Amino acid sequence: MQICANCHSKQFDGTIFCAECGASMFATNRRETTMSLGQRGLTGDLIDAPSVAPAPVAMPAGPQITLVIMNSGRRISLDIADDLLIGRKDNARGIFPDIDLGLDGGYDSGVSRRHAILACSNGAYSVEDLGSANGTFVNGRRLAPQLATRLSSGDELKCGTLLMRVEFE
Protein backbone atom coordinates (compact mmCIF):
# COMPACT_ATOMS: atom_id res chain seq x y z
CA MET A 1 0.00 0.00 0.00
CA GLN A 2 1.07 3.58 -0.57
CA ILE A 3 -0.16 6.80 1.04
CA CYS A 4 -1.37 9.82 -0.95
CA ALA A 5 0.76 12.88 -0.11
CA ASN A 6 -2.25 15.15 -0.70
CA CYS A 7 -5.14 13.58 1.28
CA HIS A 8 -3.22 10.82 3.15
CA SER A 9 -5.57 8.02 2.01
CA LYS A 10 -4.26 4.48 1.45
CA GLN A 11 -3.86 3.48 -2.21
CA PHE A 12 -2.85 0.21 -3.88
CA ASP A 13 0.76 -0.11 -5.02
CA GLY A 14 1.16 1.00 -8.62
CA THR A 15 -1.70 3.51 -8.45
CA ILE A 16 -0.96 6.52 -10.64
CA PHE A 17 -3.60 8.90 -9.29
CA CYS A 18 -5.25 8.92 -5.86
CA ALA A 19 -8.74 7.41 -6.02
CA GLU A 20 -9.95 9.82 -3.32
CA CYS A 21 -8.64 13.22 -4.46
CA GLY A 22 -7.17 12.57 -7.94
CA ALA A 23 -3.67 13.77 -6.98
CA SER A 24 -0.67 12.22 -8.72
CA MET A 25 0.92 9.45 -6.69
CA PHE A 26 4.35 10.28 -8.14
CA ALA A 27 6.62 12.60 -6.17
CA THR A 28 6.81 15.21 -8.93
CA ASN A 29 6.99 18.23 -6.65
CA ARG A 30 10.05 17.04 -4.75
CA ARG A 31 12.83 19.60 -4.84
CA GLU A 32 16.37 18.59 -4.21
CA THR A 33 19.04 21.17 -3.43
CA THR A 34 22.77 20.99 -3.07
CA MET A 35 24.69 22.61 -0.28
CA SER A 36 27.64 24.81 -1.14
CA LEU A 37 30.80 23.94 0.73
CA GLY A 38 32.53 27.09 -0.50
CA GLN A 39 35.81 27.30 -2.39
CA ARG A 40 39.33 26.91 -1.06
CA GLY A 41 41.60 29.90 -1.53
CA LEU A 42 45.36 29.69 -2.02
CA THR A 43 45.84 29.62 1.76
CA GLY A 44 43.38 26.77 2.25
CA ASP A 45 40.78 29.05 3.89
CA LEU A 46 37.19 28.71 2.79
CA ILE A 47 35.82 31.55 0.68
CA ASP A 48 32.06 32.07 0.85
CA ALA A 49 30.44 31.03 -2.40
CA PRO A 50 27.74 33.34 -3.72
CA SER A 51 24.26 32.06 -2.95
CA VAL A 52 22.05 31.34 -5.92
CA ALA A 53 18.26 31.32 -5.72
CA PRO A 54 16.63 28.12 -7.00
CA ALA A 55 15.08 28.28 -10.45
CA PRO A 56 11.31 28.82 -10.46
CA VAL A 57 9.22 25.72 -11.05
CA ALA A 58 7.27 25.93 -14.32
CA MET A 59 3.54 25.42 -13.81
CA PRO A 60 1.44 23.98 -16.63
CA ALA A 61 -0.53 26.57 -18.55
CA GLY A 62 -4.18 26.33 -19.39
CA PRO A 63 -7.20 24.90 -17.64
CA GLN A 64 -7.15 21.64 -15.72
CA ILE A 65 -9.26 18.75 -17.01
CA THR A 66 -11.06 16.33 -14.71
CA LEU A 67 -12.41 12.93 -15.71
CA VAL A 68 -15.23 11.74 -13.45
CA ILE A 69 -15.61 7.94 -13.59
CA MET A 70 -19.37 7.49 -13.36
CA ASN A 71 -19.49 3.92 -11.97
CA SER A 72 -17.03 4.58 -9.13
CA GLY A 73 -17.26 8.35 -8.62
CA ARG A 74 -13.47 8.59 -8.84
CA ARG A 75 -12.26 11.98 -10.06
CA ILE A 76 -9.01 12.19 -12.01
CA SER A 77 -7.75 15.77 -12.27
CA LEU A 78 -4.99 16.38 -14.78
CA ASP A 79 -2.75 19.11 -16.12
CA ILE A 80 -1.81 17.78 -19.53
CA ALA A 81 1.70 18.62 -20.72
CA ASP A 82 2.12 15.54 -22.94
CA ASP A 83 -0.25 13.04 -24.53
CA LEU A 84 -1.69 10.69 -21.91
CA LEU A 85 -2.49 7.04 -22.58
CA ILE A 86 -5.89 5.80 -21.38
CA GLY A 87 -6.18 2.04 -20.86
CA ARG A 88 -5.53 -0.85 -18.48
CA LYS A 89 -2.23 -1.77 -16.86
CA ASP A 90 -0.64 -5.06 -17.94
CA ASN A 91 2.62 -5.78 -16.10
CA ALA A 92 3.40 -8.86 -18.22
CA ARG A 93 3.27 -6.88 -21.46
CA GLY A 94 4.87 -3.74 -20.04
CA ILE A 95 1.80 -1.55 -20.60
CA PHE A 96 1.43 1.18 -17.99
CA PRO A 97 -1.19 3.74 -19.06
CA ASP A 98 -1.15 7.24 -17.59
CA ILE A 99 -4.87 6.84 -16.83
CA ASP A 100 -5.42 3.26 -15.64
CA LEU A 101 -9.13 2.40 -15.90
CA GLY A 102 -8.48 -1.12 -14.64
CA LEU A 103 -9.07 0.35 -11.17
CA ASP A 104 -12.66 1.16 -12.18
CA GLY A 105 -13.79 -2.13 -13.71
CA GLY A 106 -12.07 -1.43 -17.03
CA TYR A 107 -11.61 -5.10 -17.88
CA ASP A 108 -15.32 -5.91 -17.49
CA SER A 109 -16.22 -2.68 -19.34
CA GLY A 110 -14.15 -3.60 -22.39
CA VAL A 111 -11.34 -1.07 -21.95
CA SER A 112 -8.34 -2.06 -24.07
CA ARG A 113 -4.82 -1.99 -22.64
CA ARG A 114 -3.95 0.84 -25.06
CA HIS A 115 -7.40 2.31 -25.59
CA ALA A 116 -7.13 6.04 -26.34
CA ILE A 117 -4.95 9.15 -26.08
CA LEU A 118 -5.96 12.30 -24.19
CA ALA A 119 -4.14 15.39 -25.47
CA CYS A 120 -4.07 19.16 -25.12
CA SER A 121 -2.96 21.51 -27.89
CA ASN A 122 -3.25 25.31 -27.66
CA GLY A 123 -5.60 25.01 -24.69
CA ALA A 124 -8.01 22.64 -26.49
CA TYR A 125 -8.46 19.07 -25.23
CA SER A 126 -8.97 16.11 -27.55
CA VAL A 127 -9.30 12.34 -27.40
CA GLU A 128 -8.14 9.84 -30.03
CA ASP A 129 -9.13 6.18 -30.23
CA LEU A 130 -6.13 3.89 -30.79
CA GLY A 131 -8.05 1.20 -32.65
CA SER A 132 -9.51 -0.23 -29.45
CA ALA A 133 -11.58 -3.41 -29.65
CA ASN A 134 -14.73 -1.91 -28.09
CA GLY A 135 -14.47 1.68 -29.27
CA THR A 136 -14.25 5.16 -27.81
CA PHE A 137 -17.37 7.35 -27.76
CA VAL A 138 -17.99 11.06 -27.19
CA ASN A 139 -21.62 11.91 -26.37
CA GLY A 140 -22.74 8.54 -27.76
CA ARG A 141 -20.92 8.93 -31.10
CA ARG A 142 -18.27 6.29 -31.86
CA LEU A 143 -14.93 7.81 -32.85
CA ALA A 144 -13.04 6.75 -35.92
CA PRO A 145 -9.66 5.26 -34.94
CA GLN A 146 -6.58 7.51 -35.13
CA LEU A 147 -8.68 10.68 -35.51
CA ALA A 148 -8.49 13.26 -32.71
CA THR A 149 -11.87 14.62 -31.57
CA ARG A 150 -12.17 17.84 -29.57
CA LEU A 151 -13.65 17.62 -26.06
CA SER A 152 -15.85 20.18 -24.32
CA SER A 153 -16.66 20.52 -20.64
CA GLY A 154 -19.66 18.32 -19.82
CA ASP A 155 -19.00 15.80 -22.61
CA GLU A 156 -19.59 12.12 -21.91
CA LEU A 157 -16.53 10.05 -22.79
CA LYS A 158 -16.90 6.29 -23.00
CA CYS A 159 -14.11 3.73 -23.34
CA GLY A 160 -15.87 0.46 -24.17
CA THR A 161 -18.86 0.74 -21.82
CA LEU A 162 -17.01 2.63 -19.04
CA LEU A 163 -18.63 6.07 -18.83
CA MET A 164 -16.78 9.23 -17.78
CA ARG A 165 -17.77 12.90 -17.66
CA VAL A 166 -15.29 15.54 -18.82
CA GLU A 167 -14.99 18.73 -16.73
CA PHE A 168 -12.73 21.73 -17.27
CA GLU A 169 -11.68 23.88 -14.31
C-alpha atoms as a PDB file:
ATOM      1  CA  MET A   1       0.000   0.000   0.000  1.00  0.00           C
ATOM      2  CA  GLN A   2       1.067   3.583  -0.571  1.00  0.00           C
ATOM      3  CA  ILE A   3      -0.157   6.803   1.045  1.00  0.00           C
ATOM      4  CA  CYS A   4      -1.369   9.824  -0.954  1.00  0.00           C
ATOM      5  CA  ALA A   5       0.758  12.883  -0.114  1.00  0.00           C
ATOM      6  CA  ASN A   6      -2.250  15.153  -0.702  1.00  0.00           C
ATOM      7  CA  CYS A   7      -5.136  13.577   1.277  1.00  0.00           C
ATOM      8  CA  HIS A   8      -3.222  10.816   3.146  1.00  0.00           C
ATOM      9  CA  SER A   9      -5.572   8.024   2.013  1.00  0.00           C
ATOM     10  CA  LYS A  10      -4.265   4.481   1.453  1.00  0.00           C
ATOM     11  CA  GLN A  11      -3.860   3.476  -2.208  1.00  0.00           C
ATOM     12  CA  PHE A  12      -2.850   0.211  -3.875  1.00  0.00           C
ATOM     13  CA  ASP A  13       0.761  -0.114  -5.017  1.00  0.00           C
ATOM     14  CA  GLY A  14       1.162   1.000  -8.619  1.00  0.00           C
ATOM     15  CA  THR A  15      -1.697   3.512  -8.446  1.00  0.00           C
ATOM     16  CA  ILE A  16      -0.959   6.524 -10.639  1.00  0.00           C
ATOM     17  CA  PHE A  17      -3.603   8.899  -9.287  1.00  0.00           C
ATOM     18  CA  CYS A  18      -5.247   8.917  -5.858  1.00  0.00           C
ATOM     19  CA  ALA A  19      -8.744   7.406  -6.020  1.00  0.00           C
ATOM     20  CA  GLU A  20      -9.952   9.824  -3.324  1.00  0.00           C
ATOM     21  CA  CYS A  21      -8.637  13.221  -4.458  1.00  0.00           C
ATOM     22  CA  GLY A  22      -7.173  12.570  -7.939  1.00  0.00           C
ATOM     23  CA  ALA A  23      -3.667  13.768  -6.983  1.00  0.00           C
ATOM     24  CA  SER A  24      -0.668  12.222  -8.719  1.00  0.00           C
ATOM     25  CA  MET A  25       0.919   9.448  -6.685  1.00  0.00           C
ATOM     26  CA  PHE A  26       4.351  10.279  -8.139  1.00  0.00           C
ATOM     27  CA  ALA A  27       6.620  12.599  -6.169  1.00  0.00           C
ATOM     28  CA  THR A  28       6.809  15.214  -8.933  1.00  0.00           C
ATOM     29  CA  ASN A  29       6.992  18.229  -6.645  1.00  0.00           C
ATOM     30  CA  ARG A  30      10.052  17.040  -4.747  1.00  0.00           C
ATOM     31  CA  ARG A  31      12.828  19.604  -4.844  1.00  0.00           C
ATOM     32  CA  GLU A  32      16.374  18.594  -4.209  1.00  0.00           C
ATOM     33  CA  THR A  33      19.037  21.168  -3.433  1.00  0.00           C
ATOM     34  CA  THR A  34      22.772  20.990  -3.072  1.00  0.00           C
ATOM     35  CA  MET A  35      24.689  22.609  -0.283  1.00  0.00           C
ATOM     36  CA  SER A  36      27.636  24.813  -1.144  1.00  0.00           C
ATOM     37  CA  LEU A  37      30.797  23.941   0.734  1.00  0.00           C
ATOM     38  CA  GLY A  38      32.534  27.094  -0.501  1.00  0.00           C
ATOM     39  CA  GLN A  39      35.812  27.304  -2.391  1.00  0.00           C
ATOM     40  CA  ARG A  40      39.332  26.911  -1.064  1.00  0.00           C
ATOM     41  CA  GLY A  41      41.601  29.902  -1.530  1.00  0.00           C
ATOM     42  CA  LEU A  42      45.355  29.688  -2.021  1.00  0.00           C
ATOM     43  CA  THR A  43      45.839  29.616   1.760  1.00  0.00           C
ATOM     44  CA  GLY A  44      43.377  26.774   2.246  1.00  0.00           C
ATOM     45  CA  ASP A  45      40.784  29.048   3.887  1.00  0.00           C
ATOM     46  CA  LEU A  46      37.188  28.712   2.795  1.00  0.00           C
ATOM     47  CA  ILE A  47      35.821  31.547   0.684  1.00  0.00           C
ATOM     48  CA  ASP A  48      32.061  32.071   0.847  1.00  0.00           C
ATOM     49  CA  ALA A  49      30.443  31.026  -2.403  1.00  0.00           C
ATOM     50  CA  PRO A  50      27.737  33.344  -3.720  1.00  0.00           C
ATOM     51  CA  SER A  51      24.258  32.063  -2.947  1.00  0.00           C
ATOM     52  CA  VAL A  52      22.052  31.337  -5.916  1.00  0.00           C
ATOM     53  CA  ALA A  53      18.264  31.318  -5.722  1.00  0.00           C
ATOM     54  CA  PRO A  54      16.627  28.119  -7.000  1.00  0.00           C
ATOM     55  CA  ALA A  55      15.080  28.282 -10.455  1.00  0.00           C
ATOM     56  CA  PRO A  56      11.313  28.821 -10.461  1.00  0.00           C
ATOM     57  CA  VAL A  57       9.219  25.722 -11.048  1.00  0.00           C
ATOM     58  CA  ALA A  58       7.268  25.928 -14.316  1.00  0.00           C
ATOM     59  CA  MET A  59       3.544  25.418 -13.807  1.00  0.00           C
ATOM     60  CA  PRO A  60       1.439  23.981 -16.633  1.00  0.00           C
ATOM     61  CA  ALA A  61      -0.533  26.570 -18.549  1.00  0.00           C
ATOM     62  CA  GLY A  62      -4.185  26.330 -19.389  1.00  0.00           C
ATOM     63  CA  PRO A  63      -7.203  24.897 -17.637  1.00  0.00           C
ATOM     64  CA  GLN A  64      -7.154  21.642 -15.725  1.00  0.00           C
ATOM     65  CA  ILE A  65      -9.256  18.755 -17.009  1.00  0.00           C
ATOM     66  CA  THR A  66     -11.065  16.328 -14.714  1.00  0.00           C
ATOM     67  CA  LEU A  67     -12.413  12.927 -15.709  1.00  0.00           C
ATOM     68  CA  VAL A  68     -15.232  11.738 -13.449  1.00  0.00           C
ATOM     69  CA  ILE A  69     -15.607   7.940 -13.593  1.00  0.00           C
ATOM     70  CA  MET A  70     -19.371   7.490 -13.363  1.00  0.00           C
ATOM     71  CA  ASN A  71     -19.487   3.918 -11.973  1.00  0.00           C
ATOM     72  CA  SER A  72     -17.030   4.584  -9.126  1.00  0.00           C
ATOM     73  CA  GLY A  73     -17.263   8.345  -8.622  1.00  0.00           C
ATOM     74  CA  ARG A  74     -13.469   8.593  -8.840  1.00  0.00           C
ATOM     75  CA  ARG A  75     -12.259  11.984 -10.056  1.00  0.00           C
ATOM     76  CA  ILE A  76      -9.008  12.186 -12.009  1.00  0.00           C
ATOM     77  CA  SER A  77      -7.753  15.773 -12.266  1.00  0.00           C
ATOM     78  CA  LEU A  78      -4.986  16.384 -14.778  1.00  0.00           C
ATOM     79  CA  ASP A  79      -2.750  19.115 -16.120  1.00  0.00           C
ATOM     80  CA  ILE A  80      -1.810  17.777 -19.528  1.00  0.00           C
ATOM     81  CA  ALA A  81       1.697  18.621 -20.722  1.00  0.00           C
ATOM     82  CA  ASP A  82       2.120  15.538 -22.938  1.00  0.00           C
ATOM     83  CA  ASP A  83      -0.247  13.041 -24.528  1.00  0.00           C
ATOM     84  CA  LEU A  84      -1.691  10.687 -21.907  1.00  0.00           C
ATOM     85  CA  LEU A  85      -2.487   7.036 -22.577  1.00  0.00           C
ATOM     86  CA  ILE A  86      -5.894   5.801 -21.378  1.00  0.00           C
ATOM     87  CA  GLY A  87      -6.178   2.040 -20.858  1.00  0.00           C
ATOM     88  CA  ARG A  88      -5.531  -0.853 -18.484  1.00  0.00           C
ATOM     89  CA  LYS A  89      -2.225  -1.768 -16.863  1.00  0.00           C
ATOM     90  CA  ASP A  90      -0.640  -5.057 -17.937  1.00  0.00           C
ATOM     91  CA  ASN A  91       2.616  -5.785 -16.101  1.00  0.00           C
ATOM     92  CA  ALA A  92       3.399  -8.860 -18.217  1.00  0.00           C
ATOM     93  CA  ARG A  93       3.271  -6.875 -21.464  1.00  0.00           C
ATOM     94  CA  GLY A  94       4.870  -3.745 -20.038  1.00  0.00           C
ATOM     95  CA  ILE A  95       1.804  -1.551 -20.601  1.00  0.00           C
ATOM     96  CA  PHE A  96       1.430   1.176 -17.987  1.00  0.00           C
ATOM     97  CA  PRO A  97      -1.187   3.740 -19.063  1.00  0.00           C
ATOM     98  CA  ASP A  98      -1.146   7.239 -17.587  1.00  0.00           C
ATOM     99  CA  ILE A  99      -4.865   6.842 -16.834  1.00  0.00           C
ATOM    100  CA  ASP A 100      -5.424   3.259 -15.637  1.00  0.00           C
ATOM    101  CA  LEU A 101      -9.128   2.401 -15.900  1.00  0.00           C
ATOM    102  CA  GLY A 102      -8.482  -1.124 -14.638  1.00  0.00           C
ATOM    103  CA  LEU A 103      -9.071   0.345 -11.172  1.00  0.00           C
ATOM    104  CA  ASP A 104     -12.661   1.165 -12.176  1.00  0.00           C
ATOM    105  CA  GLY A 105     -13.788  -2.126 -13.714  1.00  0.00           C
ATOM    106  CA  GLY A 106     -12.066  -1.434 -17.028  1.00  0.00           C
ATOM    107  CA  TYR A 107     -11.612  -5.102 -17.881  1.00  0.00           C
ATOM    108  CA  ASP A 108     -15.321  -5.905 -17.489  1.00  0.00           C
ATOM    109  CA  SER A 109     -16.223  -2.683 -19.336  1.00  0.00           C
ATOM    110  CA  GLY A 110     -14.154  -3.597 -22.392  1.00  0.00           C
ATOM    111  CA  VAL A 111     -11.342  -1.067 -21.953  1.00  0.00           C
ATOM    112  CA  SER A 112      -8.338  -2.056 -24.068  1.00  0.00           C
ATOM    113  CA  ARG A 113      -4.824  -1.989 -22.640  1.00  0.00           C
ATOM    114  CA  ARG A 114      -3.948   0.835 -25.061  1.00  0.00           C
ATOM    115  CA  HIS A 115      -7.402   2.309 -25.592  1.00  0.00           C
ATOM    116  CA  ALA A 116      -7.127   6.044 -26.341  1.00  0.00           C
ATOM    117  CA  ILE A 117      -4.946   9.149 -26.083  1.00  0.00           C
ATOM    118  CA  LEU A 118      -5.964  12.298 -24.189  1.00  0.00           C
ATOM    119  CA  ALA A 119      -4.141  15.390 -25.471  1.00  0.00           C
ATOM    120  CA  CYS A 120      -4.074  19.164 -25.124  1.00  0.00           C
ATOM    121  CA  SER A 121      -2.960  21.511 -27.887  1.00  0.00           C
ATOM    122  CA  ASN A 122      -3.246  25.308 -27.665  1.00  0.00           C
ATOM    123  CA  GLY A 123      -5.602  25.009 -24.686  1.00  0.00           C
ATOM    124  CA  ALA A 124      -8.014  22.641 -26.494  1.00  0.00           C
ATOM    125  CA  TYR A 125      -8.461  19.072 -25.233  1.00  0.00           C
ATOM    126  CA  SER A 126      -8.974  16.111 -27.548  1.00  0.00           C
ATOM    127  CA  VAL A 127      -9.304  12.339 -27.401  1.00  0.00           C
ATOM    128  CA  GLU A 128      -8.138   9.843 -30.032  1.00  0.00           C
ATOM    129  CA  ASP A 129      -9.132   6.177 -30.226  1.00  0.00           C
ATOM    130  CA  LEU A 130      -6.125   3.893 -30.787  1.00  0.00           C
ATOM    131  CA  GLY A 131      -8.055   1.201 -32.652  1.00  0.00           C
ATOM    132  CA  SER A 132      -9.514  -0.230 -29.449  1.00  0.00           C
ATOM    133  CA  ALA A 133     -11.584  -3.415 -29.653  1.00  0.00           C
ATOM    134  CA  ASN A 134     -14.733  -1.906 -28.086  1.00  0.00           C
ATOM    135  CA  GLY A 135     -14.466   1.681 -29.270  1.00  0.00           C
ATOM    136  CA  THR A 136     -14.255   5.164 -27.807  1.00  0.00           C
ATOM    137  CA  PHE A 137     -17.370   7.345 -27.757  1.00  0.00           C
ATOM    138  CA  VAL A 138     -17.994  11.062 -27.187  1.00  0.00           C
ATOM    139  CA  ASN A 139     -21.617  11.908 -26.368  1.00  0.00           C
ATOM    140  CA  GLY A 140     -22.744   8.543 -27.765  1.00  0.00           C
ATOM    141  CA  ARG A 141     -20.916   8.931 -31.097  1.00  0.00           C
ATOM    142  CA  ARG A 142     -18.267   6.288 -31.858  1.00  0.00           C
ATOM    143  CA  LEU A 143     -14.930   7.815 -32.845  1.00  0.00           C
ATOM    144  CA  ALA A 144     -13.039   6.746 -35.922  1.00  0.00           C
ATOM    145  CA  PRO A 145      -9.659   5.257 -34.944  1.00  0.00           C
ATOM    146  CA  GLN A 146      -6.580   7.507 -35.127  1.00  0.00           C
ATOM    147  CA  LEU A 147      -8.684  10.682 -35.513  1.00  0.00           C
ATOM    148  CA  ALA A 148      -8.495  13.261 -32.710  1.00  0.00           C
ATOM    149  CA  THR A 149     -11.873  14.617 -31.568  1.00  0.00           C
ATOM    150  CA  ARG A 150     -12.172  17.838 -29.571  1.00  0.00           C
ATOM    151  CA  LEU A 151     -13.646  17.617 -26.065  1.00  0.00           C
ATOM    152  CA  SER A 152     -15.848  20.177 -24.320  1.00  0.00           C
ATOM    153  CA  SER A 153     -16.661  20.518 -20.643  1.00  0.00           C
ATOM    154  CA  GLY A 154     -19.662  18.324 -19.821  1.00  0.00           C
ATOM    155  CA  ASP A 155     -18.998  15.805 -22.613  1.00  0.00           C
ATOM    156  CA  GLU A 156     -19.591  12.122 -21.908  1.00  0.00           C
ATOM    157  CA  LEU A 157     -16.530  10.054 -22.790  1.00  0.00           C
ATOM    158  CA  LYS A 158     -16.904   6.285 -23.001  1.00  0.00           C
ATOM    159  CA  CYS A 159     -14.111   3.726 -23.341  1.00  0.00           C
ATOM    160  CA  GLY A 160     -15.871   0.462 -24.170  1.00  0.00           C
ATOM    161  CA  THR A 161     -18.856   0.737 -21.819  1.00  0.00           C
ATOM    162  CA  LEU A 162     -17.009   2.628 -19.042  1.00  0.00           C
ATOM    163  CA  LEU A 163     -18.630   6.069 -18.832  1.00  0.00           C
ATOM    164  CA  MET A 164     -16.778   9.232 -17.783  1.00  0.00           C
ATOM    165  CA  ARG A 165     -17.772  12.898 -17.655  1.00  0.00           C
ATOM    166  CA  VAL A 166     -15.291  15.540 -18.815  1.00  0.00           C
ATOM    167  CA  GLU A 167     -14.994  18.726 -16.730  1.00  0.00           C
ATOM    168  CA  PHE A 168     -12.734  21.732 -17.265  1.00  0.00           C
ATOM    169  CA  GLU A 169     -11.679  23.877 -14.314  1.00  0.00           C
END
